[in-house]
C-alpha atoms as a PDB file:
ATOM      1  CA  MET A   1      -2.007  22.208  -6.593  1.00  0.00           C
ATOM      2  CA  THR A   2       0.543  23.675  -4.166  1.00  0.00           C
ATOM      3  CA  THR A   3       3.748  21.872  -3.281  1.00  0.00           C
ATOM      4  CA  GLU A   4       6.211  22.220  -0.403  1.00  0.00           C
ATOM      5  CA  THR A   5       9.256  20.021   0.122  1.00  0.00           C
ATOM      6  CA  ARG A   6      11.837  19.638   2.843  1.00  0.00           C
ATOM      7  CA  GLY A   7      14.424  16.894   2.742  1.00  0.00           C
ATOM      8  CA  ARG A   8      12.645  13.840   1.344  1.00  0.00           C
ATOM      9  CA  VAL A   9       9.162  14.995   2.415  1.00  0.00           C
ATOM     10  CA  ARG A  10       6.834  16.429  -0.242  1.00  0.00           C
ATOM     11  CA  VAL A  11       3.497  18.117   0.473  1.00  0.00           C
ATOM     12  CA  GLU A  12       0.717  18.710  -2.031  1.00  0.00           C
ATOM     13  CA  GLN A  13      -2.891  19.796  -1.708  1.00  0.00           C
ATOM     14  CA  SER A  14      -5.524  17.174  -2.525  1.00  0.00           C
ATOM     15  CA  THR A  15      -8.587  18.117  -4.542  1.00  0.00           C
ATOM     16  CA  LYS A  16     -10.708  15.251  -3.144  1.00  0.00           C
ATOM     17  CA  ARG A  17     -13.233  15.344  -0.340  1.00  0.00           C
ATOM     18  CA  ILE A  18     -11.819  13.175   2.474  1.00  0.00           C
ATOM     19  CA  ARG A  19     -13.855  11.721   5.331  1.00  0.00           C
ATOM     20  CA  ALA A  20     -12.789   9.498   8.214  1.00  0.00           C
ATOM     21  CA  TYR A  21     -14.933   7.532  10.686  1.00  0.00           C
ATOM     22  CA  PHE A  22     -14.282   6.081  14.143  1.00  0.00           C
ATOM     23  CA  GLY A  23     -16.601   4.574  16.718  1.00  0.00           C
ATOM     24  CA  GLY A  24     -19.626   5.216  14.530  1.00  0.00           C
ATOM     25  CA  GLU A  25     -18.887   8.951  14.256  1.00  0.00           C
ATOM     26  CA  LEU A  26     -17.569  11.130  11.467  1.00  0.00           C
ATOM     27  CA  VAL A  27     -14.310  12.456  12.955  1.00  0.00           C
ATOM     28  CA  ALA A  28     -12.994  14.373   9.933  1.00  0.00           C
ATOM     29  CA  ASP A  29     -14.536  15.848   6.783  1.00  0.00           C
ATOM     30  CA  THR A  30     -12.458  18.080   4.533  1.00  0.00           C
ATOM     31  CA  THR A  31     -11.904  19.272   0.980  1.00  0.00           C
ATOM     32  CA  ALA A  32      -8.517  20.760   1.921  1.00  0.00           C
ATOM     33  CA  ALA A  33      -6.446  17.693   2.847  1.00  0.00           C
ATOM     34  CA  ARG A  34      -2.719  17.587   2.155  1.00  0.00           C
ATOM     35  CA  LEU A  35      -0.916  14.623   0.661  1.00  0.00           C
ATOM     36  CA  VAL A  36       2.405  14.165   2.457  1.00  0.00           C
ATOM     37  CA  TRP A  37       5.021  11.728   1.182  1.00  0.00           C
ATOM     38  CA  GLU A  38       6.711  10.609   4.420  1.00  0.00           C
ATOM     39  CA  VAL A  39       8.076   7.555   2.596  1.00  0.00           C
ATOM     40  CA  PRO A  40       8.797   7.262  -1.131  1.00  0.00           C
ATOM     41  CA  TYR A  41       6.118   4.686  -1.958  1.00  0.00           C
ATOM     42  CA  TYR A  42       2.798   6.388  -1.121  1.00  0.00           C
ATOM     43  CA  PRO A  43       1.448   9.508   0.633  1.00  0.00           C
ATOM     44  CA  ALA A  44      -0.395  10.048   3.915  1.00  0.00           C
ATOM     45  CA  TYR A  45      -3.314  12.392   4.531  1.00  0.00           C
ATOM     46  CA  TYR A  46      -2.819  15.414   6.782  1.00  0.00           C
ATOM     47  CA  LEU A  47      -6.133  17.116   7.593  1.00  0.00           C
ATOM     48  CA  PRO A  48      -6.824  20.738   8.617  1.00  0.00           C
ATOM     49  CA  ALA A  49      -7.519  20.903  12.353  1.00  0.00           C
ATOM     50  CA  ALA A  50     -10.587  23.040  11.596  1.00  0.00           C
ATOM     51  CA  ASP A  51     -12.117  20.077   9.723  1.00  0.00           C
ATOM     52  CA  VAL A  52     -11.450  17.531  12.499  1.00  0.00           C
ATOM     53  CA  ARG A  53     -13.738  16.802  15.463  1.00  0.00           C
ATOM     54  CA  THR A  54     -11.022  17.778  17.933  1.00  0.00           C
ATOM     55  CA  GLU A  55     -13.407  17.298  20.881  1.00  0.00           C
ATOM     56  CA  PHE A  56     -12.665  13.576  20.429  1.00  0.00           C
ATOM     57  CA  LEU A  57      -8.912  14.142  20.876  1.00  0.00           C
ATOM     58  CA  ALA A  58      -6.933  14.443  24.107  1.00  0.00           C
ATOM     59  CA  PRO A  59      -3.137  14.849  24.413  1.00  0.00           C
ATOM     60  CA  SER A  60      -1.484  11.577  25.417  1.00  0.00           C
ATOM     61  CA  GLY A  61       1.857  13.057  26.423  1.00  0.00           C
ATOM     62  CA  ARG A  62       3.798  11.149  23.782  1.00  0.00           C
ATOM     63  CA  THR A  63       6.162  13.073  21.511  1.00  0.00           C
ATOM     64  CA  GLU A  64       8.397  11.973  18.651  1.00  0.00           C
ATOM     65  CA  ARG A  65      10.895  13.921  16.561  1.00  0.00           C
ATOM     66  CA  SER A  66      11.275  13.833  12.791  1.00  0.00           C
ATOM     67  CA  PRO A  67      14.390  15.404  11.239  1.00  0.00           C
ATOM     68  CA  SER A  68      12.283  17.154   8.596  1.00  0.00           C
ATOM     69  CA  ARG A  69       8.888  17.713  10.250  1.00  0.00           C
ATOM     70  CA  GLY A  70       9.928  18.561  13.804  1.00  0.00           C
ATOM     71  CA  GLU A  71       8.326  17.355  17.035  1.00  0.00           C
ATOM     72  CA  ALA A  72       5.083  15.405  16.808  1.00  0.00           C
ATOM     73  CA  ARG A  73       2.651  15.708  19.711  1.00  0.00           C
ATOM     74  CA  TYR A  74       0.291  12.756  19.983  1.00  0.00           C
ATOM     75  CA  SER A  75      -3.355  12.546  21.013  1.00  0.00           C
ATOM     76  CA  THR A  76      -5.663   9.680  21.907  1.00  0.00           C
ATOM     77  CA  LEU A  77      -8.922   9.396  19.997  1.00  0.00           C
ATOM     78  CA  THR A  78     -12.003   8.570  22.103  1.00  0.00           C
ATOM     79  CA  VAL A  79     -15.559   8.213  20.792  1.00  0.00           C
ATOM     80  CA  GLY A  80     -17.896   6.679  23.369  1.00  0.00           C
ATOM     81  CA  ASP A  81     -16.373   3.350  24.380  1.00  0.00           C
ATOM     82  CA  ALA A  82     -14.032   3.257  21.381  1.00  0.00           C
ATOM     83  CA  VAL A  83     -10.479   4.344  22.197  1.00  0.00           C
ATOM     84  CA  ALA A  84      -7.425   4.541  19.919  1.00  0.00           C
ATOM     85  CA  LYS A  85      -4.319   5.526  21.858  1.00  0.00           C
ATOM     86  CA  ASP A  86      -1.888   7.858  20.068  1.00  0.00           C
ATOM     87  CA  ALA A  87      -4.059   7.675  16.938  1.00  0.00           C
ATOM     88  CA  ALA A  88      -3.474  11.311  15.933  1.00  0.00           C
ATOM     89  CA  TRP A  89      -0.560  13.719  15.980  1.00  0.00           C
ATOM     90  CA  GLN A  90       0.382  17.268  15.038  1.00  0.00           C
ATOM     91  CA  TYR A  91       3.540  19.271  14.337  1.00  0.00           C
ATOM     92  CA  PRO A  92       2.550  22.683  15.785  1.00  0.00           C
ATOM     93  CA  GLU A  93       6.101  24.074  15.550  1.00  0.00           C
ATOM     94  CA  SER A  94       7.196  22.260  12.392  1.00  0.00           C
ATOM     95  CA  PRO A  95       9.910  23.872  10.245  1.00  0.00           C
ATOM     96  CA  MET A  96       7.512  23.018   7.399  1.00  0.00           C
ATOM     97  CA  ALA A  97       5.002  25.824   7.897  1.00  0.00           C
ATOM     98  CA  GLU A  98       2.313  24.080   5.849  1.00  0.00           C
ATOM     99  CA  LEU A  99       2.074  21.237   8.400  1.00  0.00           C
ATOM    100  CA  ARG A 100       1.581  23.294  11.553  1.00  0.00           C
ATOM    101  CA  ASP A 101      -2.227  23.456  11.488  1.00  0.00           C
ATOM    102  CA  LEU A 102      -2.749  19.902  10.211  1.00  0.00           C
ATOM    103  CA  ILE A 103      -3.597  16.641  11.989  1.00  0.00           C
ATOM    104  CA  ARG A 104      -2.320  13.261  10.882  1.00  0.00           C
ATOM    105  CA  PHE A 105      -4.287  10.118  11.838  1.00  0.00           C
ATOM    106  CA  GLU A 106      -2.883   6.605  11.939  1.00  0.00           C
ATOM    107  CA  TRP A 107      -4.711   5.061   8.990  1.00  0.00           C
ATOM    108  CA  ASP A 108      -5.432   1.650  10.542  1.00  0.00           C
ATOM    109  CA  ALA A 109      -6.586   3.157  13.849  1.00  0.00           C
ATOM    110  CA  LEU A 110      -9.725   4.527  12.191  1.00  0.00           C
ATOM    111  CA  ASP A 111     -12.678   2.428  11.089  1.00  0.00           C
ATOM    112  CA  ALA A 112     -13.083   3.741   7.539  1.00  0.00           C
ATOM    113  CA  TRP A 113     -11.744   6.329   5.105  1.00  0.00           C
ATOM    114  CA  PHE A 114     -13.563   7.754   2.096  1.00  0.00           C
ATOM    115  CA  GLU A 115     -12.303   9.627  -0.949  1.00  0.00           C
ATOM    116  CA  GLU A 116     -15.445  11.369  -2.185  1.00  0.00           C
ATOM    117  CA  ASP A 117     -18.120   8.636  -1.706  1.00  0.00           C
ATOM    118  CA  GLU A 118     -15.853   5.617  -2.256  1.00  0.00           C
ATOM    119  CA  GLU A 119     -14.153   3.802   0.596  1.00  0.00           C
ATOM    120  CA  VAL A 120     -10.390   3.524   0.217  1.00  0.00           C
ATOM    121  CA  TYR A 121      -8.150   0.964   1.911  1.00  0.00           C
ATOM    122  CA  VAL A 122      -4.571   0.673   3.223  1.00  0.00           C
ATOM    123  CA  HIS A 123      -3.406   4.214   2.374  1.00  0.00           C
ATOM    124  CA  PRO A 124      -4.419   7.162   0.166  1.00  0.00           C
ATOM    125  CA  ARG A 125      -4.276   6.627  -3.564  1.00  0.00           C
ATOM    126  CA  ASP A 126      -1.190   8.244  -5.041  1.00  0.00           C
ATOM    127  CA  PRO A 127      -2.172  10.715  -7.802  1.00  0.00           C
ATOM    128  CA  TYR A 128       1.050   9.832  -9.608  1.00  0.00           C
ATOM    129  CA  SER A 129       0.397   6.075  -9.665  1.00  0.00           C
ATOM    130  CA  ARG A 130      -1.288   4.485 -12.659  1.00  0.00           C
ATOM    131  CA  LEU A 131      -2.429   0.924 -13.362  1.00  0.00           C
ATOM    132  CA  ASP A 132      -2.695  -0.547 -16.845  1.00  0.00           C
ATOM    133  CA  VAL A 133      -3.963  -4.126 -17.168  1.00  0.00           C
ATOM    134  CA  LEU A 134      -3.362  -5.659 -20.597  1.00  0.00           C
ATOM    135  CA  THR A 135      -4.033  -9.126 -21.987  1.00  0.00           C
ATOM    136  CA  SER A 136      -1.068 -10.677 -23.787  1.00  0.00           C
ATOM    137  CA  SER A 137       0.069 -13.726 -25.744  1.00  0.00           C
ATOM    138  CA  ARG A 138       3.626 -13.772 -24.427  1.00  0.00           C
ATOM    139  CA  HIS A 139       5.127 -17.096 -23.382  1.00  0.00           C
ATOM    140  CA  VAL A 140       5.754 -16.834 -19.640  1.00  0.00           C
ATOM    141  CA  GLU A 141       7.443 -19.437 -17.461  1.00  0.00           C
ATOM    142  CA  VAL A 142       7.859 -19.232 -13.683  1.00  0.00           C
ATOM    143  CA  VAL A 143      10.768 -21.232 -12.281  1.00  0.00           C
ATOM    144  CA  ILE A 144      11.669 -21.733  -8.606  1.00  0.00           C
ATOM    145  CA  ASN A 145      14.782 -23.688  -7.633  1.00  0.00           C
ATOM    146  CA  GLY A 146      14.897 -25.118 -11.134  1.00  0.00           C
ATOM    147  CA  VAL A 147      11.287 -26.335 -10.982  1.00  0.00           C
ATOM    148  CA  THR A 148       8.798 -24.915 -13.500  1.00  0.00           C
ATOM    149  CA  VAL A 149       5.755 -24.060 -11.395  1.00  0.00           C
ATOM    150  CA  ALA A 150       3.726 -22.200 -14.063  1.00  0.00           C
ATOM    151  CA  GLU A 151       3.757 -21.777 -17.837  1.00  0.00           C
ATOM    152  CA  THR A 152       1.323 -19.937 -20.092  1.00  0.00           C
ATOM    153  CA  HIS A 153       0.831 -18.255 -23.460  1.00  0.00           C
ATOM    154  CA  ARG A 154      -2.083 -16.168 -22.168  1.00  0.00           C
ATOM    155  CA  PRO A 155      -0.840 -13.955 -19.339  1.00  0.00           C
ATOM    156  CA  THR A 156      -2.412 -10.695 -18.221  1.00  0.00           C
ATOM    157  CA  LEU A 157       0.182  -7.995 -17.579  1.00  0.00           C
ATOM    158  CA  LEU A 158      -0.303  -5.377 -14.886  1.00  0.00           C
ATOM    159  CA  PHE A 159       1.809  -2.228 -15.193  1.00  0.00           C
ATOM    160  CA  GLU A 160       1.856  -0.151 -11.983  1.00  0.00           C
ATOM    161  CA  THR A 161       3.874   3.014 -11.511  1.00  0.00           C
ATOM    162  CA  GLY A 162       7.032   2.380  -9.503  1.00  0.00           C
ATOM    163  CA  LEU A 163       6.756  -1.421  -9.510  1.00  0.00           C
ATOM    164  CA  PRO A 164       7.930  -4.149 -11.885  1.00  0.00           C
ATOM    165  CA  VAL A 165       5.447  -5.461 -14.422  1.00  0.00           C
ATOM    166  CA  ARG A 166       3.374  -8.251 -12.852  1.00  0.00           C
ATOM    167  CA  TYR A 167       2.441 -11.354 -14.846  1.00  0.00           C
ATOM    168  CA  TYR A 168      -0.986 -12.683 -13.844  1.00  0.00           C
ATOM    169  CA  LEU A 169      -1.512 -16.259 -15.038  1.00  0.00           C
ATOM    170  CA  PRO A 170      -4.627 -18.414 -15.536  1.00  0.00           C
ATOM    171  CA  GLN A 171      -4.963 -20.928 -12.722  1.00  0.00           C
ATOM    172  CA  PRO A 172      -5.016 -23.980 -15.077  1.00  0.00           C
ATOM    173  CA  ASP A 173      -1.498 -22.983 -16.177  1.00  0.00           C
ATOM    174  CA  VAL A 174      -0.125 -23.160 -12.616  1.00  0.00           C
ATOM    175  CA  ARG A 175       1.229 -26.331 -10.938  1.00  0.00           C
ATOM    176  CA  TRP A 176      -1.297 -26.389  -8.101  1.00  0.00           C
ATOM    177  CA  ASP A 177       0.132 -29.674  -6.856  1.00  0.00           C
ATOM    178  CA  LEU A 178       3.153 -27.629  -5.723  1.00  0.00           C
ATOM    179  CA  LEU A 179       1.180 -24.868  -3.995  1.00  0.00           C
ATOM    180  CA  ARG A 180       0.431 -24.865  -0.277  1.00  0.00           C
ATOM    181  CA  PRO A 181      -2.262 -22.627   1.289  1.00  0.00           C
ATOM    182  CA  SER A 182      -1.065 -19.712   3.428  1.00  0.00           C
ATOM    183  CA  SER A 183      -2.878 -17.751   6.117  1.00  0.00           C
ATOM    184  CA  ARG A 184      -1.473 -14.483   4.771  1.00  0.00           C
ATOM    185  CA  THR A 185      -3.615 -11.834   3.107  1.00  0.00           C
ATOM    186  CA  SER A 186      -2.784  -8.314   1.995  1.00  0.00           C
ATOM    187  CA  ARG A 187      -4.763  -5.292   0.848  1.00  0.00           C
ATOM    188  CA  CYS A 188      -4.070  -2.772  -1.894  1.00  0.00           C
ATOM    189  CA  PRO A 189      -5.941   0.523  -2.408  1.00  0.00           C
ATOM    190  CA  TYR A 190      -5.951  -0.115  -6.175  1.00  0.00           C
ATOM    191  CA  LYS A 191      -6.563  -3.877  -6.375  1.00  0.00           C
ATOM    192  CA  GLY A 192      -8.316  -5.063  -3.198  1.00  0.00           C
ATOM    193  CA  THR A 193      -7.575  -8.077  -0.965  1.00  0.00           C
ATOM    194  CA  ALA A 194      -5.151 -10.821  -2.024  1.00  0.00           C
ATOM    195  CA  GLU A 195      -4.874 -14.408  -0.791  1.00  0.00           C
ATOM    196  CA  TYR A 196      -1.455 -16.105  -0.748  1.00  0.00           C
ATOM    197  CA  TRP A 197       0.099 -19.518  -1.321  1.00  0.00           C
ATOM    198  CA  SER A 198       3.565 -20.933  -0.718  1.00  0.00           C
ATOM    199  CA  VAL A 199       5.353 -23.171  -3.222  1.00  0.00           C
ATOM    200  CA  GLN A 200       7.049 -26.497  -2.534  1.00  0.00           C
ATOM    201  CA  ALA A 201       9.985 -26.338  -4.954  1.00  0.00           C
ATOM    202  CA  GLY A 202      12.243 -29.339  -4.450  1.00  0.00           C
ATOM    203  CA  ASP A 203      13.268 -29.501  -0.788  1.00  0.00           C
ATOM    204  CA  GLU A 204      12.355 -25.872  -0.077  1.00  0.00           C
ATOM    205  CA  LEU A 205       9.000 -24.376   0.860  1.00  0.00           C
ATOM    206  CA  VAL A 206       9.055 -20.838  -0.547  1.00  0.00           C
ATOM    207  CA  ASP A 207       6.661 -18.864   1.633  1.00  0.00           C
ATOM    208  CA  ASP A 208       3.911 -16.561   0.347  1.00  0.00           C
ATOM    209  CA  VAL A 209       5.316 -16.175  -3.153  1.00  0.00           C
ATOM    210  CA  VAL A 210       2.094 -16.307  -5.187  1.00  0.00           C
ATOM    211  CA  TRP A 211      -1.206 -14.473  -4.734  1.00  0.00           C
ATOM    212  CA  ILE A 212      -4.680 -14.154  -6.218  1.00  0.00           C
ATOM    213  CA  TYR A 213      -7.259 -11.358  -6.077  1.00  0.00           C
ATOM    214  CA  ARG A 214     -10.591 -13.210  -6.073  1.00  0.00           C
ATOM    215  CA  THR A 215     -12.737 -10.065  -6.167  1.00  0.00           C
ATOM    216  CA  PRO A 216     -10.520  -7.111  -7.098  1.00  0.00           C
ATOM    217  CA  LEU A 217     -11.639  -3.490  -7.078  1.00  0.00           C
ATOM    218  CA  PRO A 218     -13.363  -2.245 -10.257  1.00  0.00           C
ATOM    219  CA  GLU A 219     -10.263  -0.721 -11.847  1.00  0.00           C
ATOM    220  CA  SER A 220      -8.466  -4.086 -11.614  1.00  0.00           C
ATOM    221  CA  GLN A 221     -11.261  -6.480 -12.621  1.00  0.00           C
ATOM    222  CA  LYS A 222      -9.183  -8.029 -15.406  1.00  0.00           C
ATOM    223  CA  ILE A 223      -6.885  -9.768 -12.856  1.00  0.00           C
ATOM    224  CA  ALA A 224      -9.759 -11.481 -11.006  1.00  0.00           C
ATOM    225  CA  GLY A 225      -8.910 -15.108 -10.242  1.00  0.00           C
ATOM    226  CA  LEU A 226      -5.439 -14.962 -11.832  1.00  0.00           C
ATOM    227  CA  ALA A 227      -2.262 -16.078 -10.072  1.00  0.00           C
ATOM    228  CA  CYS A 228       0.796 -13.833  -9.790  1.00  0.00           C
ATOM    229  CA  PHE A 229       4.301 -14.627  -8.539  1.00  0.00           C
ATOM    230  CA  TYR A 230       6.768 -12.175  -7.009  1.00  0.00           C
ATOM    231  CA  ASN A 231       9.214 -11.252  -9.780  1.00  0.00           C
ATOM    232  CA  GLU A 232      11.652 -10.422  -7.009  1.00  0.00           C
ATOM    233  CA  ARG A 233      11.740 -14.012  -5.670  1.00  0.00           C
ATOM    234  CA  VAL A 234      11.319 -16.299  -8.700  1.00  0.00           C
ATOM    235  CA  ASP A 235      12.970 -16.771 -12.081  1.00  0.00           C
ATOM    236  CA  LEU A 236      10.802 -15.485 -14.929  1.00  0.00           C
ATOM    237  CA  VAL A 237      11.359 -16.533 -18.530  1.00  0.00           C
ATOM    238  CA  VAL A 238       9.449 -14.373 -21.028  1.00  0.00           C
ATOM    239  CA  ASP A 239       9.469 -15.393 -24.698  1.00  0.00           C
ATOM    240  CA  GLY A 240      12.483 -17.566 -24.014  1.00  0.00           C
ATOM    241  CA  VAL A 241      14.503 -14.815 -22.315  1.00  0.00           C
ATOM    242  CA  ARG A 242      15.327 -15.170 -18.634  1.00  0.00           C
ATOM    243  CA  GLN A 243      14.459 -11.902 -16.885  1.00  0.00           C
ATOM    244  CA  GLU A 244      16.716 -10.185 -14.387  1.00  0.00           C
ATOM    245  CA  ARG A 245      15.135 -10.351 -10.961  1.00  0.00           C
ATOM    246  CA  ALA A 246      13.260  -7.158 -10.219  1.00  0.00           C
ATOM    247  CA  ARG A 247      14.243  -4.814  -7.393  1.00  0.00           C
ATOM    248  CA  SER A 248      11.415  -3.179  -5.472  1.00  0.00           C
ATOM    249  CA  PRO A 249      10.147  -2.578  -1.920  1.00  0.00           C
ATOM    250  CA  PHE A 250       9.075  -6.274  -2.010  1.00  0.00           C
ATOM    251  CA  SER A 251      12.581  -7.592  -2.683  1.00  0.00           C
ATOM    252  CA  PRO A 252      14.049  -9.912  -0.012  1.00  0.00           C
ATOM    253  CA  ARG A 253      15.677  -7.862   2.730  1.00  0.00           C
ATOM    254  CA  LYS A 254      19.285  -8.116   3.747  1.00  0.00           C
ATOM    255  CA  ALA A 255      20.464  -7.559   7.300  1.00  0.00           C
ATOM    256  CA  GLY A 256      21.018  -3.926   8.179  1.00  0.00           C
ATOM    257  CA  PRO A 257      19.029  -0.680   7.926  1.00  0.00           C
ATOM    258  CA  GLN A 258      15.659  -1.010   6.234  1.00  0.00           C
ATOM    259  CA  ALA A 259      14.565   1.028   3.249  1.00  0.00           C
ATOM    260  CA  GLY A 260      11.801   3.577   3.602  1.00  0.00           C
ATOM    261  CA  VAL A 261      12.795   5.025   6.976  1.00  0.00           C
ATOM    262  CA  LEU A 262      10.504   7.911   7.857  1.00  0.00           C
ATOM    263  CA  ALA A 263      11.905  11.352   7.085  1.00  0.00           C
END
């Protein structure tokens, strides 16, 4: 595995076969993709131009400069009646030589991505991220604004690289009378699609603070149907010890520059 770095951007070669589809057509198929960490939390796929159906791409005229990667030149992706404006870009004169012959697609602009023969969602899986899901008998309490909204002696703990431990709780041990349905959902390439609820804690409605994966992906089956609260936004008491609130990309934001600015 080769690696190139410049500033905060790291580039490594992937060993997986990567395919991408749009408008019913295979638009990219490669075994030589690069993983590029443009932000600290997860990588993006950059694909060799030789392995992309470039006949579907036309320059849009848009450009954008990155301090580390140079000037991006955008293209619109058109397959039949399906059009995705500015869905692809290249850095043909990048100071990072390894990027010059690669094409980057906007993940959500395409219809589907596959790693080998398995569809992957949201973003590429990070080869340095690991999930461990362990049953436990710890005593866990979840408190919001002084109100105990969940308490259990049978949590399931999910350990994920780079994130705080998550405590998944059986639904009977949650105060469902305090939960209010939310329209929010989110997707994770490791866990699947989550549904959210808000919590009425005293006079405050705390939005989208608890979630459940009804049908998680195979590697996360042990959290199916369990409820999890954001450590960053609630008070957790584990075995009688109040936990310090976790800091992560999901922590409440303060006014000012946002974390994770593209490099």
